[in-house]
Amino acid sequence: QVQLVESGGGLVQPGGSLRLSCAASGIRFSLVSMGWYRQAPGKERELVASIRSGGSTYYVDSVKGRFTISRDNAKNTVYLQMNSLKPADTAVYYCTVRDTTYWGQGTQVTVSS
């Protein structure tokens, strides 16, 4: 079965950095688009970034220039490098295979001094 396992979340001060990882299994990873969503308390889940099989990327405006999504098809892993973090980035971050019902369990990112 398909499994998505996120890691790399934690507590960081404003201006700091984190790198999230999502290891996928049970899918032909190199052929699918992957995405990172986030959900803050009391807010709807939003798409943060996505990457197609060919490598083209999308970012929500609020993270452009700060976050970078990438993938390593040899490791079946997608990454989200998050720099210049702000308190507004605090949320649970989820990995997903785009256009499917496959989601990871989520990893908490807290940006606070």
N, C-alpha and C. Protein backbone atom coordinates (compact mmCIF):
# COMPACT_ATOMS: atom_id res chain seq x y z
N GLN A 1 0.83 -1.18 0.00
CA GLN A 1 0.00 0.00 0.00
C GLN A 1 0.88 1.24 0.00
N VAL A 2 0.24 2.36 -0.32
CA VAL A 2 0.98 3.61 -0.38
C VAL A 2 1.23 4.13 1.03
N GLN A 3 2.47 4.54 1.28
CA GLN A 3 2.81 5.16 2.55
C GLN A 3 3.62 6.42 2.29
N LEU A 4 3.28 7.47 3.03
CA LEU A 4 4.02 8.73 3.00
C LEU A 4 4.41 9.07 4.43
N VAL A 5 5.70 9.21 4.67
CA VAL A 5 6.18 9.44 6.03
C VAL A 5 6.98 10.74 6.06
N GLU A 6 6.41 11.72 6.76
CA GLU A 6 7.08 13.02 6.88
C GLU A 6 8.01 13.05 8.07
N SER A 7 9.02 13.89 7.98
CA SER A 7 9.92 14.12 9.10
C SER A 7 10.54 15.50 8.94
N GLY A 8 11.16 15.99 10.02
CA GLY A 8 11.90 17.23 9.95
C GLY A 8 11.24 18.43 10.60
N GLY A 9 10.02 18.27 11.10
CA GLY A 9 9.38 19.39 11.76
C GLY A 9 10.01 19.67 13.12
N GLY A 10 9.55 20.76 13.74
CA GLY A 10 10.07 21.09 15.06
C GLY A 10 9.80 22.54 15.41
N LEU A 11 10.48 22.98 16.45
CA LEU A 11 10.37 24.35 16.94
C LEU A 11 11.60 25.14 16.47
N VAL A 12 11.35 26.29 15.87
CA VAL A 12 12.43 27.12 15.37
C VAL A 12 12.10 28.58 15.63
N GLN A 13 13.14 29.38 15.82
CA GLN A 13 12.93 30.81 16.03
C GLN A 13 12.63 31.52 14.71
N PRO A 14 11.95 32.64 14.78
CA PRO A 14 11.73 33.43 13.56
C PRO A 14 13.05 33.73 12.86
N GLY A 15 13.03 33.59 11.53
CA GLY A 15 14.23 33.76 10.74
C GLY A 15 15.03 32.49 10.54
N GLY A 16 14.66 31.44 11.25
CA GLY A 16 15.37 30.18 11.15
C GLY A 16 14.94 29.35 9.96
N SER A 17 15.52 28.15 9.89
CA SER A 17 15.27 27.25 8.76
C SER A 17 14.94 25.84 9.24
N LEU A 18 14.18 25.15 8.44
CA LEU A 18 13.91 23.72 8.64
C LEU A 18 13.82 23.07 7.26
N ARG A 19 14.13 21.78 7.21
CA ARG A 19 13.92 21.02 5.99
C ARG A 19 13.01 19.84 6.31
N LEU A 20 11.89 19.80 5.65
CA LEU A 20 10.96 18.68 5.77
C LEU A 20 11.27 17.64 4.70
N SER A 21 11.09 16.39 5.09
CA SER A 21 11.26 15.27 4.15
C SER A 21 10.00 14.43 4.14
N CYS A 22 9.72 13.84 3.00
CA CYS A 22 8.58 12.93 2.88
C CYS A 22 9.05 11.73 2.06
N ALA A 23 9.14 10.60 2.72
CA ALA A 23 9.56 9.37 2.05
C ALA A 23 8.33 8.60 1.60
N ALA A 24 8.27 8.26 0.33
CA ALA A 24 7.11 7.58 -0.24
C ALA A 24 7.44 6.13 -0.58
N SER A 25 6.45 5.28 -0.43
CA SER A 25 6.58 3.88 -0.84
C SER A 25 5.25 3.41 -1.40
N GLY A 26 5.31 2.37 -2.23
CA GLY A 26 4.10 1.81 -2.79
C GLY A 26 3.58 2.53 -4.02
N ILE A 27 4.35 3.46 -4.55
CA ILE A 27 3.95 4.18 -5.76
C ILE A 27 5.15 4.28 -6.70
N ARG A 28 4.86 4.57 -7.97
CA ARG A 28 5.94 4.84 -8.93
C ARG A 28 6.27 6.33 -8.81
N PHE A 29 7.09 6.59 -7.81
CA PHE A 29 7.33 7.96 -7.36
C PHE A 29 7.74 8.89 -8.49
N SER A 30 8.58 8.44 -9.36
CA SER A 30 9.12 9.33 -10.40
C SER A 30 8.05 9.80 -11.38
N LEU A 31 6.89 9.15 -11.37
CA LEU A 31 5.85 9.47 -12.34
C LEU A 31 4.77 10.38 -11.79
N VAL A 32 4.81 10.68 -10.49
CA VAL A 32 3.72 11.42 -9.88
C VAL A 32 4.16 12.82 -9.45
N SER A 33 3.15 13.70 -9.36
CA SER A 33 3.36 15.02 -8.78
C SER A 33 3.18 14.93 -7.27
N MET A 34 4.00 15.67 -6.56
CA MET A 34 3.95 15.67 -5.10
C MET A 34 3.68 17.07 -4.59
N GLY A 35 3.07 17.14 -3.42
CA GLY A 35 2.77 18.45 -2.86
C GLY A 35 2.95 18.48 -1.36
N TRP A 36 3.16 19.69 -0.87
CA TRP A 36 3.17 19.97 0.56
C TRP A 36 2.01 20.93 0.85
N TYR A 37 1.17 20.52 1.80
CA TYR A 37 0.10 21.37 2.31
C TYR A 37 0.41 21.71 3.76
N ARG A 38 -0.28 22.71 4.26
CA ARG A 38 -0.19 23.01 5.69
C ARG A 38 -1.56 23.43 6.22
N GLN A 39 -1.75 23.19 7.51
CA GLN A 39 -2.99 23.58 8.16
C GLN A 39 -2.67 24.17 9.52
N ALA A 40 -3.01 25.44 9.67
CA ALA A 40 -2.84 26.12 10.94
C ALA A 40 -4.13 25.99 11.75
N PRO A 41 -4.06 26.13 13.08
CA PRO A 41 -5.26 26.01 13.91
C PRO A 41 -6.35 26.99 13.46
N GLY A 42 -7.55 26.47 13.26
CA GLY A 42 -8.67 27.31 12.88
C GLY A 42 -8.71 27.73 11.44
N LYS A 43 -7.77 27.23 10.64
CA LYS A 43 -7.71 27.60 9.23
C LYS A 43 -7.85 26.37 8.34
N GLU A 44 -8.19 26.62 7.09
CA GLU A 44 -8.30 25.53 6.13
C GLU A 44 -6.91 25.09 5.67
N ARG A 45 -6.84 23.84 5.24
CA ARG A 45 -5.59 23.33 4.70
C ARG A 45 -5.29 24.04 3.38
N GLU A 46 -4.04 24.46 3.20
CA GLU A 46 -3.68 25.17 1.97
C GLU A 46 -2.46 24.52 1.32
N LEU A 47 -2.45 24.57 -0.01
CA LEU A 47 -1.30 24.08 -0.76
C LEU A 47 -0.16 25.09 -0.63
N VAL A 48 0.98 24.60 -0.19
CA VAL A 48 2.16 25.44 -0.01
C VAL A 48 3.05 25.38 -1.24
N ALA A 49 3.32 24.17 -1.72
CA ALA A 49 4.21 23.99 -2.86
C ALA A 49 3.93 22.63 -3.48
N SER A 50 4.23 22.54 -4.77
CA SER A 50 4.10 21.26 -5.46
C SER A 50 5.19 21.13 -6.50
N ILE A 51 5.45 19.89 -6.88
CA ILE A 51 6.48 19.62 -7.88
C ILE A 51 6.00 18.49 -8.77
N ARG A 52 6.07 18.71 -10.07
CA ARG A 52 5.63 17.70 -11.03
C ARG A 52 6.74 16.68 -11.28
N SER A 53 6.38 15.63 -11.96
CA SER A 53 7.36 14.59 -12.26
C SER A 53 8.52 15.14 -13.08
N GLY A 54 8.23 16.13 -13.91
CA GLY A 54 9.28 16.72 -14.73
C GLY A 54 10.09 17.77 -14.01
N GLY A 55 9.67 18.12 -12.78
CA GLY A 55 10.46 19.05 -11.98
C GLY A 55 9.91 20.46 -11.89
N SER A 56 8.87 20.78 -12.65
CA SER A 56 8.31 22.13 -12.54
C SER A 56 7.63 22.30 -11.19
N THR A 57 7.69 23.50 -10.68
CA THR A 57 7.24 23.75 -9.30
C THR A 57 6.19 24.86 -9.24
N TYR A 58 5.45 24.83 -8.13
CA TYR A 58 4.48 25.86 -7.81
C TYR A 58 4.66 26.23 -6.35
N TYR A 59 4.49 27.53 -6.05
CA TYR A 59 4.52 28.01 -4.67
C TYR A 59 3.38 28.97 -4.43
N VAL A 60 2.78 28.88 -3.25
CA VAL A 60 1.82 29.90 -2.86
C VAL A 60 2.59 31.20 -2.64
N ASP A 61 1.93 32.32 -2.89
CA ASP A 61 2.63 33.61 -2.85
C ASP A 61 3.34 33.87 -1.52
N SER A 62 2.74 33.44 -0.43
CA SER A 62 3.27 33.77 0.89
C SER A 62 4.61 33.11 1.19
N VAL A 63 5.02 32.12 0.40
CA VAL A 63 6.30 31.44 0.68
C VAL A 63 7.31 31.61 -0.45
N LYS A 64 6.92 32.27 -1.52
CA LYS A 64 7.84 32.45 -2.64
C LYS A 64 9.11 33.18 -2.19
N GLY A 65 10.25 32.65 -2.62
CA GLY A 65 11.53 33.23 -2.25
C GLY A 65 12.06 32.73 -0.92
N ARG A 66 11.24 32.02 -0.15
CA ARG A 66 11.67 31.51 1.16
C ARG A 66 11.70 29.98 1.19
N PHE A 67 10.75 29.35 0.52
CA PHE A 67 10.65 27.88 0.53
C PHE A 67 11.09 27.31 -0.82
N THR A 68 11.67 26.13 -0.78
CA THR A 68 12.05 25.43 -2.01
C THR A 68 11.63 23.98 -1.92
N ILE A 69 10.86 23.53 -2.89
CA ILE A 69 10.47 22.12 -2.97
C ILE A 69 11.40 21.42 -3.96
N SER A 70 11.78 20.20 -3.62
CA SER A 70 12.65 19.42 -4.50
C SER A 70 12.32 17.95 -4.32
N ARG A 71 12.85 17.13 -5.23
CA ARG A 71 12.58 15.70 -5.13
C ARG A 71 13.84 14.94 -5.51
N ASP A 72 13.97 13.76 -4.92
CA ASP A 72 15.04 12.83 -5.24
C ASP A 72 14.37 11.52 -5.62
N ASN A 73 14.25 11.29 -6.92
CA ASN A 73 13.53 10.10 -7.38
C ASN A 73 14.26 8.81 -7.01
N ALA A 74 15.56 8.87 -6.86
CA ALA A 74 16.31 7.67 -6.47
C ALA A 74 15.98 7.25 -5.03
N LYS A 75 15.59 8.23 -4.22
CA LYS A 75 15.26 7.96 -2.81
C LYS A 75 13.76 7.99 -2.55
N ASN A 76 12.96 8.20 -3.60
CA ASN A 76 11.50 8.30 -3.44
C ASN A 76 11.13 9.31 -2.36
N THR A 77 11.79 10.44 -2.38
CA THR A 77 11.62 11.43 -1.32
C THR A 77 11.42 12.83 -1.92
N VAL A 78 10.51 13.56 -1.30
CA VAL A 78 10.30 14.96 -1.65
C VAL A 78 10.66 15.80 -0.42
N TYR A 79 11.24 16.96 -0.67
CA TYR A 79 11.72 17.83 0.40
C TYR A 79 11.05 19.19 0.33
N LEU A 80 11.01 19.85 1.48
CA LEU A 80 10.59 21.24 1.52
C LEU A 80 11.60 21.98 2.40
N GLN A 81 12.46 22.76 1.75
CA GLN A 81 13.42 23.59 2.47
C GLN A 81 12.74 24.90 2.81
N MET A 82 12.69 25.22 4.08
CA MET A 82 11.99 26.41 4.55
C MET A 82 12.99 27.34 5.22
N ASN A 83 13.18 28.51 4.64
CA ASN A 83 14.10 29.51 5.17
C ASN A 83 13.33 30.76 5.59
N SER A 84 13.99 31.60 6.36
CA SER A 84 13.37 32.87 6.81
C SER A 84 11.98 32.63 7.38
N LEU A 85 11.88 31.65 8.23
CA LEU A 85 10.57 31.26 8.76
C LEU A 85 9.96 32.37 9.61
N LYS A 86 8.63 32.44 9.54
CA LYS A 86 7.86 33.44 10.25
C LYS A 86 6.85 32.74 11.17
N PRO A 87 6.39 33.42 12.21
CA PRO A 87 5.35 32.81 13.05
C PRO A 87 4.12 32.39 12.24
N ALA A 88 3.82 33.10 11.16
CA ALA A 88 2.67 32.76 10.33
C ALA A 88 2.85 31.43 9.60
N ASP A 89 4.07 30.89 9.59
CA ASP A 89 4.31 29.59 8.97
C ASP A 89 3.99 28.43 9.91
N THR A 90 3.66 28.74 11.15
CA THR A 90 3.33 27.70 12.12
C THR A 90 2.10 26.93 11.66
N ALA A 91 2.25 25.61 11.57
CA ALA A 91 1.16 24.76 11.08
C ALA A 91 1.62 23.31 11.12
N VAL A 92 0.67 22.42 10.89
CA VAL A 92 1.02 21.04 10.59
C VAL A 92 1.20 20.93 9.08
N TYR A 93 2.32 20.38 8.67
CA TYR A 93 2.64 20.25 7.26
C TYR A 93 2.43 18.80 6.82
N TYR A 94 1.74 18.67 5.69
CA TYR A 94 1.39 17.35 5.17
C TYR A 94 1.97 17.17 3.77
N CYS A 95 2.41 15.98 3.53
CA CYS A 95 2.87 15.57 2.20
C CYS A 95 1.74 14.82 1.51
N THR A 96 1.61 15.00 0.21
CA THR A 96 0.57 14.30 -0.53
C THR A 96 1.02 13.97 -1.94
N VAL A 97 0.45 12.92 -2.48
CA VAL A 97 0.57 12.64 -3.90
C VAL A 97 -0.56 13.42 -4.56
N ARG A 98 -0.22 14.37 -5.42
CA ARG A 98 -1.22 15.26 -5.99
C ARG A 98 -2.30 14.47 -6.72
N ASP A 99 -3.53 14.97 -6.60
CA ASP A 99 -4.69 14.40 -7.29
C ASP A 99 -5.01 12.98 -6.84
N THR A 100 -4.64 12.64 -5.63
CA THR A 100 -4.98 11.35 -5.03
C THR A 100 -5.44 11.59 -3.60
N THR A 101 -5.82 10.51 -2.96
CA THR A 101 -6.23 10.59 -1.55
C THR A 101 -5.10 10.17 -0.61
N TYR A 102 -3.89 10.10 -1.12
CA TYR A 102 -2.76 9.66 -0.31
C TYR A 102 -2.13 10.85 0.40
N TRP A 103 -2.11 10.75 1.74
CA TRP A 103 -1.56 11.81 2.58
C TRP A 103 -0.66 11.20 3.64
N GLY A 104 0.33 11.98 4.05
CA GLY A 104 1.12 11.58 5.19
C GLY A 104 0.40 11.94 6.48
N GLN A 105 1.07 11.61 7.60
CA GLN A 105 0.45 11.83 8.90
C GLN A 105 0.63 13.26 9.40
N GLY A 106 1.51 14.01 8.76
CA GLY A 106 1.73 15.39 9.15
C GLY A 106 2.89 15.55 10.10
N THR A 107 3.53 16.71 10.03
CA THR A 107 4.61 17.04 10.95
C THR A 107 4.44 18.49 11.40
N GLN A 108 4.57 18.71 12.68
CA GLN A 108 4.32 20.04 13.25
C GLN A 108 5.53 20.95 13.05
N VAL A 109 5.26 22.15 12.57
CA VAL A 109 6.27 23.19 12.47
C VAL A 109 5.79 24.37 13.32
N THR A 110 6.59 24.76 14.28
CA THR A 110 6.26 25.88 15.16
C THR A 110 7.37 26.91 15.07
N VAL A 111 6.99 28.13 14.72
CA VAL A 111 7.96 29.22 14.62
C VAL A 111 7.64 30.22 15.73
N SER A 112 8.53 30.29 16.69
CA SER A 112 8.26 31.11 17.87
C SER A 112 9.56 31.45 18.57
N SER A 113 9.58 32.62 19.17
CA SER A 113 10.74 33.00 19.97
C SER A 113 10.51 32.66 21.44
